[in-house]
């Protein structure tokens, strides 16, 4: 555990129980969300690389258009 995280836990331990529980739930939710996001990125890495290669090939073949945000 880093010293900063340890300091945060020391300070959190001074909060009332309901605030500690709210903080703990938030932190756990964030950790779970980050793990899911990382897993999603790892799982989609090959697909994203393939799509990027495909887009680059289409651009090199002149099959793309310049995007004009004002025309959207």
PDB file of N, CA and C in Angstrom:
ATOM      1  N   UNK A   1       0.854  -1.168   0.000  1.00  0.00           N
ATOM      2  CA  UNK A   1       0.000   0.000   0.000  1.00  0.00           C
ATOM      3  C   UNK A   1       0.902   1.234   0.000  1.00  0.00           C
ATOM      4  N   UNK A   2       0.547   2.207  -0.806  1.00  0.00           N
ATOM      5  CA  UNK A   2       1.347   3.427  -0.854  1.00  0.00           C
ATOM      6  C   UNK A   2       1.076   4.275   0.378  1.00  0.00           C
ATOM      7  N   UNK A   3       1.993   5.175   0.657  1.00  0.00           N
ATOM      8  CA  UNK A   3       1.817   6.044   1.825  1.00  0.00           C
ATOM      9  C   UNK A   3       0.633   6.984   1.632  1.00  0.00           C
ATOM     10  N   UNK A   4       0.380   7.392   0.392  1.00  0.00           N
ATOM     11  CA  UNK A   4      -0.753   8.281   0.138  1.00  0.00           C
ATOM     12  C   UNK A   4      -2.075   7.568   0.396  1.00  0.00           C
ATOM     13  N   UNK A   5      -2.183   6.321  -0.058  1.00  0.00           N
ATOM     14  CA  UNK A   5      -3.401   5.559   0.188  1.00  0.00           C
ATOM     15  C   UNK A   5      -3.567   5.288   1.680  1.00  0.00           C
ATOM     16  N   UNK A   6      -2.464   4.982   2.339  1.00  0.00           N
ATOM     17  CA  UNK A   6      -2.516   4.759   3.788  1.00  0.00           C
ATOM     18  C   UNK A   6      -2.990   6.020   4.502  1.00  0.00           C
ATOM     19  N   UNK A   7      -2.492   7.179   4.082  1.00  0.00           N
ATOM     20  CA  UNK A   7      -2.914   8.454   4.674  1.00  0.00           C
ATOM     21  C   UNK A   7      -4.410   8.679   4.439  1.00  0.00           C
ATOM     22  N   UNK A   8      -4.878   8.348   3.246  1.00  0.00           N
ATOM     23  CA  UNK A   8      -6.302   8.509   2.944  1.00  0.00           C
ATOM     24  C   UNK A   8      -7.148   7.622   3.849  1.00  0.00           C
ATOM     25  N   UNK A   9      -6.702   6.386   4.083  1.00  0.00           N
ATOM     26  CA  UNK A   9      -7.444   5.487   4.958  1.00  0.00           C
ATOM     27  C   UNK A   9      -7.430   5.970   6.405  1.00  0.00           C
ATOM     28  N   UNK A  10      -6.310   6.522   6.842  1.00  0.00           N
ATOM     29  CA  UNK A  10      -6.236   7.070   8.206  1.00  0.00           C
ATOM     30  C   UNK A  10      -7.251   8.195   8.353  1.00  0.00           C
ATOM     31  N   UNK A  11      -7.285   9.090   7.376  1.00  0.00           N
ATOM     32  CA  UNK A  11      -8.237  10.205   7.435  1.00  0.00           C
ATOM     33  C   UNK A  11      -9.672   9.704   7.324  1.00  0.00           C
ATOM     34  N   UNK A  12      -9.907   8.731   6.461  1.00  0.00           N
ATOM     35  CA  UNK A  12     -11.254   8.186   6.303  1.00  0.00           C
ATOM     36  C   UNK A  12     -11.727   7.516   7.586  1.00  0.00           C
ATOM     37  N   UNK A  13     -10.812   6.934   8.337  1.00  0.00           N
ATOM     38  CA  UNK A  13     -11.197   6.259   9.582  1.00  0.00           C
ATOM     39  C   UNK A  13     -11.709   7.232  10.634  1.00  0.00           C
ATOM     40  N   UNK A  14     -11.468   8.510  10.437  1.00  0.00           N
ATOM     41  CA  UNK A  14     -11.943   9.537  11.372  1.00  0.00           C
ATOM     42  C   UNK A  14     -13.367   9.988  11.055  1.00  0.00           C
ATOM     43  N   UNK A  15     -13.876   9.581   9.913  1.00  0.00           N
ATOM     44  CA  UNK A  15     -15.227   9.965   9.511  1.00  0.00           C
ATOM     45  C   UNK A  15     -16.257   9.128  10.257  1.00  0.00           C
ATOM     46  N   UNK A  16     -17.495   9.635  10.348  1.00  0.00           N
ATOM     47  CA  UNK A  16     -18.567   8.816  10.926  1.00  0.00           C
ATOM     48  C   UNK A  16     -18.769   7.547  10.085  1.00  0.00           C
ATOM     49  N   UNK A  17     -19.317   6.521  10.713  1.00  0.00           N
ATOM     50  CA  UNK A  17     -19.483   5.225  10.050  1.00  0.00           C
ATOM     51  C   UNK A  17     -20.215   5.326   8.714  1.00  0.00           C
ATOM     52  N   UNK A  18     -21.297   6.099   8.659  1.00  0.00           N
ATOM     53  CA  UNK A  18     -22.061   6.160   7.416  1.00  0.00           C
ATOM     54  C   UNK A  18     -21.242   6.792   6.294  1.00  0.00           C
ATOM     55  N   UNK A  19     -20.392   7.761   6.616  1.00  0.00           N
ATOM     56  CA  UNK A  19     -19.533   8.361   5.597  1.00  0.00           C
ATOM     57  C   UNK A  19     -18.421   7.392   5.180  1.00  0.00           C
ATOM     58  N   UNK A  20     -17.914   6.628   6.139  1.00  0.00           N
ATOM     59  CA  UNK A  20     -16.913   5.609   5.797  1.00  0.00           C
ATOM     60  C   UNK A  20     -17.510   4.591   4.836  1.00  0.00           C
ATOM     61  N   UNK A  21     -18.749   4.175   5.106  1.00  0.00           N
ATOM     62  CA  UNK A  21     -19.410   3.202   4.236  1.00  0.00           C
ATOM     63  C   UNK A  21     -19.667   3.782   2.844  1.00  0.00           C
ATOM     64  N   UNK A  22     -20.062   5.046   2.788  1.00  0.00           N
ATOM     65  CA  UNK A  22     -20.279   5.692   1.491  1.00  0.00           C
ATOM     66  C   UNK A  22     -18.974   5.758   0.710  1.00  0.00           C
ATOM     67  N   UNK A  23     -17.897   6.140   1.390  1.00  0.00           N
ATOM     68  CA  UNK A  23     -16.589   6.228   0.747  1.00  0.00           C
ATOM     69  C   UNK A  23     -16.116   4.850   0.287  1.00  0.00           C
ATOM     70  N   UNK A  24     -16.304   3.853   1.131  1.00  0.00           N
ATOM     71  CA  UNK A  24     -15.893   2.489   0.785  1.00  0.00           C
ATOM     72  C   UNK A  24     -16.667   1.979  -0.427  1.00  0.00           C
ATOM     73  N   UNK A  25     -17.979   2.220  -0.452  1.00  0.00           N
ATOM     74  CA  UNK A  25     -18.791   1.784  -1.592  1.00  0.00           C
ATOM     75  C   UNK A  25     -18.337   2.487  -2.861  1.00  0.00           C
ATOM     76  N   UNK A  26     -18.095   3.791  -2.780  1.00  0.00           N
ATOM     77  CA  UNK A  26     -17.638   4.540  -3.948  1.00  0.00           C
ATOM     78  C   UNK A  26     -16.304   3.987  -4.453  1.00  0.00           C
ATOM     79  N   UNK A  27     -15.364   3.765  -3.537  1.00  0.00           N
ATOM     80  CA  UNK A  27     -14.044   3.270  -3.923  1.00  0.00           C
ATOM     81  C   UNK A  27     -14.133   1.881  -4.561  1.00  0.00           C
ATOM     82  N   UNK A  28     -14.909   1.001  -3.966  1.00  0.00           N
ATOM     83  CA  UNK A  28     -15.076  -0.341  -4.530  1.00  0.00           C
ATOM     84  C   UNK A  28     -15.725  -0.282  -5.913  1.00  0.00           C
ATOM     85  N   UNK A  29     -16.741   0.571  -6.062  1.00  0.00           N
ATOM     86  CA  UNK A  29     -17.385   0.732  -7.370  1.00  0.00           C
ATOM     87  C   UNK A  29     -16.389   1.225  -8.412  1.00  0.00           C
ATOM     88  N   UNK A  30     -15.531   2.168  -8.026  1.00  0.00           N
ATOM     89  CA  UNK A  30     -14.524   2.699  -8.945  1.00  0.00           C
ATOM     90  C   UNK A  30     -13.519   1.621  -9.355  1.00  0.00           C
ATOM     91  N   UNK A  31     -13.100   0.819  -8.395  1.00  0.00           N
ATOM     92  CA  UNK A  31     -12.143  -0.254  -8.686  1.00  0.00           C
ATOM     93  C   UNK A  31     -12.761  -1.274  -9.635  1.00  0.00           C
ATOM     94  N   UNK A  32     -13.999  -1.668  -9.369  1.00  0.00           N
ATOM     95  CA  UNK A  32     -14.691  -2.632 -10.228  1.00  0.00           C
ATOM     96  C   UNK A  32     -14.873  -2.059 -11.626  1.00  0.00           C
ATOM     97  N   UNK A  33     -15.267  -0.796 -11.703  1.00  0.00           N
ATOM     98  CA  UNK A  33     -15.461  -0.143 -12.997  1.00  0.00           C
ATOM     99  C   UNK A  33     -14.150  -0.070 -13.780  1.00  0.00           C
ATOM    100  N   UNK A  34     -13.067   0.268 -13.108  1.00  0.00           N
ATOM    101  CA  UNK A  34     -11.762   0.358 -13.774  1.00  0.00           C
ATOM    102  C   UNK A  34     -11.330  -1.007 -14.301  1.00  0.00           C
ATOM    103  N   UNK A  35     -11.570  -2.050 -13.522  1.00  0.00           N
ATOM    104  CA  UNK A  35     -11.209  -3.403 -13.970  1.00  0.00           C
ATOM    105  C   UNK A  35     -12.021  -3.811 -15.194  1.00  0.00           C
ATOM    106  N   UNK A  36     -13.318  -3.487 -15.181  1.00  0.00           N
ATOM    107  CA  UNK A  36     -14.166  -3.818 -16.330  1.00  0.00           C
ATOM    108  C   UNK A  36     -13.696  -3.061 -17.565  1.00  0.00           C
ATOM    109  N   UNK A  37     -13.368  -1.785 -17.396  1.00  0.00           N
ATOM    110  CA  UNK A  37     -12.919  -0.965 -18.515  1.00  0.00           C
ATOM    111  C   UNK A  37     -11.618  -1.518 -19.091  1.00  0.00           C
ATOM    112  N   UNK A  38     -10.674  -1.867 -18.216  1.00  0.00           N
ATOM    113  CA  UNK A  38      -9.402  -2.436 -18.672  1.00  0.00           C
ATOM    114  C   UNK A  38      -9.633  -3.736 -19.429  1.00  0.00           C
ATOM    115  N   UNK A  39     -10.529  -4.557 -18.917  1.00  0.00           N
ATOM    116  CA  UNK A  39     -10.837  -5.827 -19.570  1.00  0.00           C
ATOM    117  C   UNK A  39     -11.460  -5.587 -20.943  1.00  0.00           C
ATOM    118  N   UNK A  40     -12.344  -4.617 -21.028  1.00  0.00           N
ATOM    119  CA  UNK A  40     -12.983  -4.278 -22.297  1.00  0.00           C
ATOM    120  C   UNK A  40     -11.952  -3.810 -23.310  1.00  0.00           C
ATOM    121  N   UNK A  41     -11.021  -2.977 -22.871  1.00  0.00           N
ATOM    122  CA  UNK A  41      -9.989  -2.486 -23.781  1.00  0.00           C
ATOM    123  C   UNK A  41      -9.089  -3.610 -24.267  1.00  0.00           C
ATOM    124  N   UNK A  42      -8.702  -4.494 -23.371  1.00  0.00           N
ATOM    125  CA  UNK A  42      -7.844  -5.620 -23.751  1.00  0.00           C
ATOM    126  C   UNK A  42      -8.574  -6.516 -24.744  1.00  0.00           C
ATOM    127  N   UNK A  43      -9.849  -6.783 -24.466  1.00  0.00           N
ATOM    128  CA  UNK A  43     -10.629  -7.661 -25.340  1.00  0.00           C
ATOM    129  C   UNK A  43     -10.855  -7.055 -26.719  1.00  0.00           C
ATOM    130  N   UNK A  44     -10.903  -5.726 -26.797  1.00  0.00           N
ATOM    131  CA  UNK A  44     -11.212  -5.083 -28.075  1.00  0.00           C
ATOM    132  C   UNK A  44      -9.969  -4.583 -28.806  1.00  0.00           C
ATOM    133  N   UNK A  45      -8.797  -4.806 -28.243  1.00  0.00           N
ATOM    134  CA  UNK A  45      -7.563  -4.288 -28.837  1.00  0.00           C
ATOM    135  C   UNK A  45      -7.362  -4.782 -30.270  1.00  0.00           C
ATOM    136  N   UNK A  46      -7.542  -6.068 -30.511  1.00  0.00           N
ATOM    137  CA  UNK A  46      -7.360  -6.618 -31.859  1.00  0.00           C
ATOM    138  C   UNK A  46      -8.390  -6.046 -32.831  1.00  0.00           C
ATOM    139  N   UNK A  47      -9.629  -5.953 -32.377  1.00  0.00           N
ATOM    140  CA  UNK A  47     -10.680  -5.408 -33.231  1.00  0.00           C
ATOM    141  C   UNK A  47     -10.391  -3.953 -33.577  1.00  0.00           C
ATOM    142  N   UNK A  48      -9.993  -3.159 -32.586  1.00  0.00           N
ATOM    143  CA  UNK A  48      -9.686  -1.752 -32.840  1.00  0.00           C
ATOM    144  C   UNK A  48      -8.511  -1.603 -33.797  1.00  0.00           C
ATOM    145  N   UNK A  49      -7.502  -2.437 -33.657  1.00  0.00           N
ATOM    146  CA  UNK A  49      -6.352  -2.388 -34.562  1.00  0.00           C
ATOM    147  C   UNK A  49      -6.789  -2.727 -35.985  1.00  0.00           C
ATOM    148  N   UNK A  50      -7.640  -3.722 -36.122  1.00  0.00           N
ATOM    149  CA  UNK A  50      -8.148  -4.106 -37.444  1.00  0.00           C
ATOM    150  C   UNK A  50      -8.951  -2.965 -38.061  1.00  0.00           C
ATOM    151  N   UNK A  51      -9.827  -2.341 -37.266  1.00  0.00           N
ATOM    152  CA  UNK A  51     -10.630  -1.231 -37.776  1.00  0.00           C
ATOM    153  C   UNK A  51      -9.755  -0.045 -38.165  1.00  0.00           C
ATOM    154  N   UNK A  52      -8.721   0.221 -37.387  1.00  0.00           N
ATOM    155  CA  UNK A  52      -7.804   1.319 -37.706  1.00  0.00           C
ATOM    156  C   UNK A  52      -7.065   1.039 -39.009  1.00  0.00           C
ATOM    157  N   UNK A  53      -6.600  -0.189 -39.191  1.00  0.00           N
ATOM    158  CA  UNK A  53      -5.918  -0.565 -40.438  1.00  0.00           C
ATOM    159  C   UNK A  53      -6.859  -0.420 -41.633  1.00  0.00           C
ATOM    160  N   UNK A  54      -8.082  -0.848 -41.432  1.00  0.00           N
ATOM    161  CA  UNK A  54      -9.079  -0.758 -42.499  1.00  0.00           C
ATOM    162  C   UNK A  54      -9.356   0.706 -42.863  1.00  0.00           C
ATOM    163  N   UNK A  55      -9.492   1.552 -41.859  1.00  0.00           N
ATOM    164  CA  UNK A  55      -9.744   2.973 -42.105  1.00  0.00           C
ATOM    165  C   UNK A  55      -8.560   3.623 -42.816  1.00  0.00           C
ATOM    166  N   UNK A  56      -7.352   3.284 -42.410  1.00  0.00           N
ATOM    167  CA  UNK A  56      -6.160   3.842 -43.049  1.00  0.00           C
ATOM    168  C   UNK A  56      -6.074   3.409 -44.514  1.00  0.00           C
ATOM    169  N   UNK A  57      -6.367   2.155 -44.775  1.00  0.00           N
ATOM    170  CA  UNK A  57      -6.351   1.651 -46.153  1.00  0.00           C
ATOM    171  C   UNK A  57      -7.377   2.397 -47.003  1.00  0.00           C
ATOM    172  N   UNK A  58      -8.581   2.569 -46.472  1.00  0.00           N
ATOM    173  CA  UNK A  58      -9.615   3.293 -47.213  1.00  0.00           C
ATOM    174  C   UNK A  58      -9.187   4.733 -47.475  1.00  0.00           C
ATOM    175  N   UNK A  59      -8.549   5.355 -46.503  1.00  0.00           N
ATOM    176  CA  UNK A  59      -8.076   6.732 -46.685  1.00  0.00           C
ATOM    177  C   UNK A  59      -7.005   6.789 -47.774  1.00  0.00           C
ATOM    178  N   UNK A  60      -6.072   5.845 -47.728  1.00  0.00           N
ATOM    179  CA  UNK A  60      -4.997   5.815 -48.723  1.00  0.00           C
ATOM    180  C   UNK A  60      -5.537   5.546 -50.129  1.00  0.00           C
ATOM    181  N   UNK A  61      -6.663   4.869 -50.218  1.00  0.00           N
ATOM    182  CA  UNK A  61      -7.282   4.579 -51.513  1.00  0.00           C
ATOM    183  C   UNK A  61      -8.212   5.704 -51.971  1.00  0.00           C
ATOM    184  N   UNK A  62      -8.268   6.781 -51.192  1.00  0.00           N
ATOM    185  CA  UNK A  62      -9.108   7.919 -51.555  1.00  0.00           C
ATOM    186  C   UNK A  62     -10.594   7.684 -51.347  1.00  0.00           C
ATOM    187  N   UNK A  63     -10.933   6.768 -50.477  1.00  0.00           N
ATOM    188  CA  UNK A  63     -12.339   6.434 -50.238  1.00  0.00           C
ATOM    189  C   UNK A  63     -12.936   7.193 -49.052  1.00  0.00           C
ATOM    190  N   UNK A  64     -12.211   8.173 -48.536  1.00  0.00           N
ATOM    191  CA  UNK A  64     -12.709   8.922 -47.383  1.00  0.00           C
ATOM    192  C   UNK A  64     -12.951  10.371 -47.781  1.00  0.00           C
ATOM    193  N   UNK A  65     -13.752  11.041 -46.985  1.00  0.00           N
ATOM    194  CA  UNK A  65     -14.062  12.449 -47.207  1.00  0.00           C
ATOM    195  C   UNK A  65     -13.606  13.256 -46.002  1.00  0.00           C
ATOM    196  N   UNK A  66     -13.271  14.512 -46.238  1.00  0.00           N
ATOM    197  CA  UNK A  66     -12.917  15.406 -45.137  1.00  0.00           C
ATOM    198  C   UNK A  66     -14.191  15.736 -44.372  1.00  0.00           C
ATOM    199  N   UNK A  67     -14.139  15.626 -43.074  1.00  0.00           N
ATOM    200  CA  UNK A  67     -15.295  15.896 -42.228  1.00  0.00           C
ATOM    201  C   UNK A  67     -15.417  17.392 -41.990  1.00  0.00           C
ATOM    202  N   UNK A  68     -16.572  17.929 -42.304  1.00  0.00           N
ATOM    203  CA  UNK A  68     -16.869  19.333 -42.035  1.00  0.00           C
ATOM    204  C   UNK A  68     -17.860  19.380 -40.877  1.00  0.00           C
ATOM    205  N   UNK A  69     -17.405  19.721 -39.672  1.00  0.00           N
ATOM    206  CA  UNK A  69     -18.290  19.723 -38.506  1.00  0.00           C
ATOM    207  C   UNK A  69     -19.507  20.633 -38.679  1.00  0.00           C
ATOM    208  N   UNK A  70     -19.368  21.682 -39.474  1.00  0.00           N
ATOM    209  CA  UNK A  70     -20.488  22.602 -39.670  1.00  0.00           C
ATOM    210  C   UNK A  70     -21.611  21.977 -40.490  1.00  0.00           C
ATOM    211  N   UNK A  71     -21.297  20.947 -41.240  1.00  0.00           N
ATOM    212  CA  UNK A  71     -22.327  20.312 -42.067  1.00  0.00           C
ATOM    213  C   UNK A  71     -23.041  19.178 -41.337  1.00  0.00           C
ATOM    214  N   UNK A  72     -22.649  18.911 -40.118  1.00  0.00           N
ATOM    215  CA  UNK A  72     -23.291  17.827 -39.360  1.00  0.00           C
ATOM    216  C   UNK A  72     -24.631  18.251 -38.816  1.00  0.00           C
TER     217      UNK A  72
END
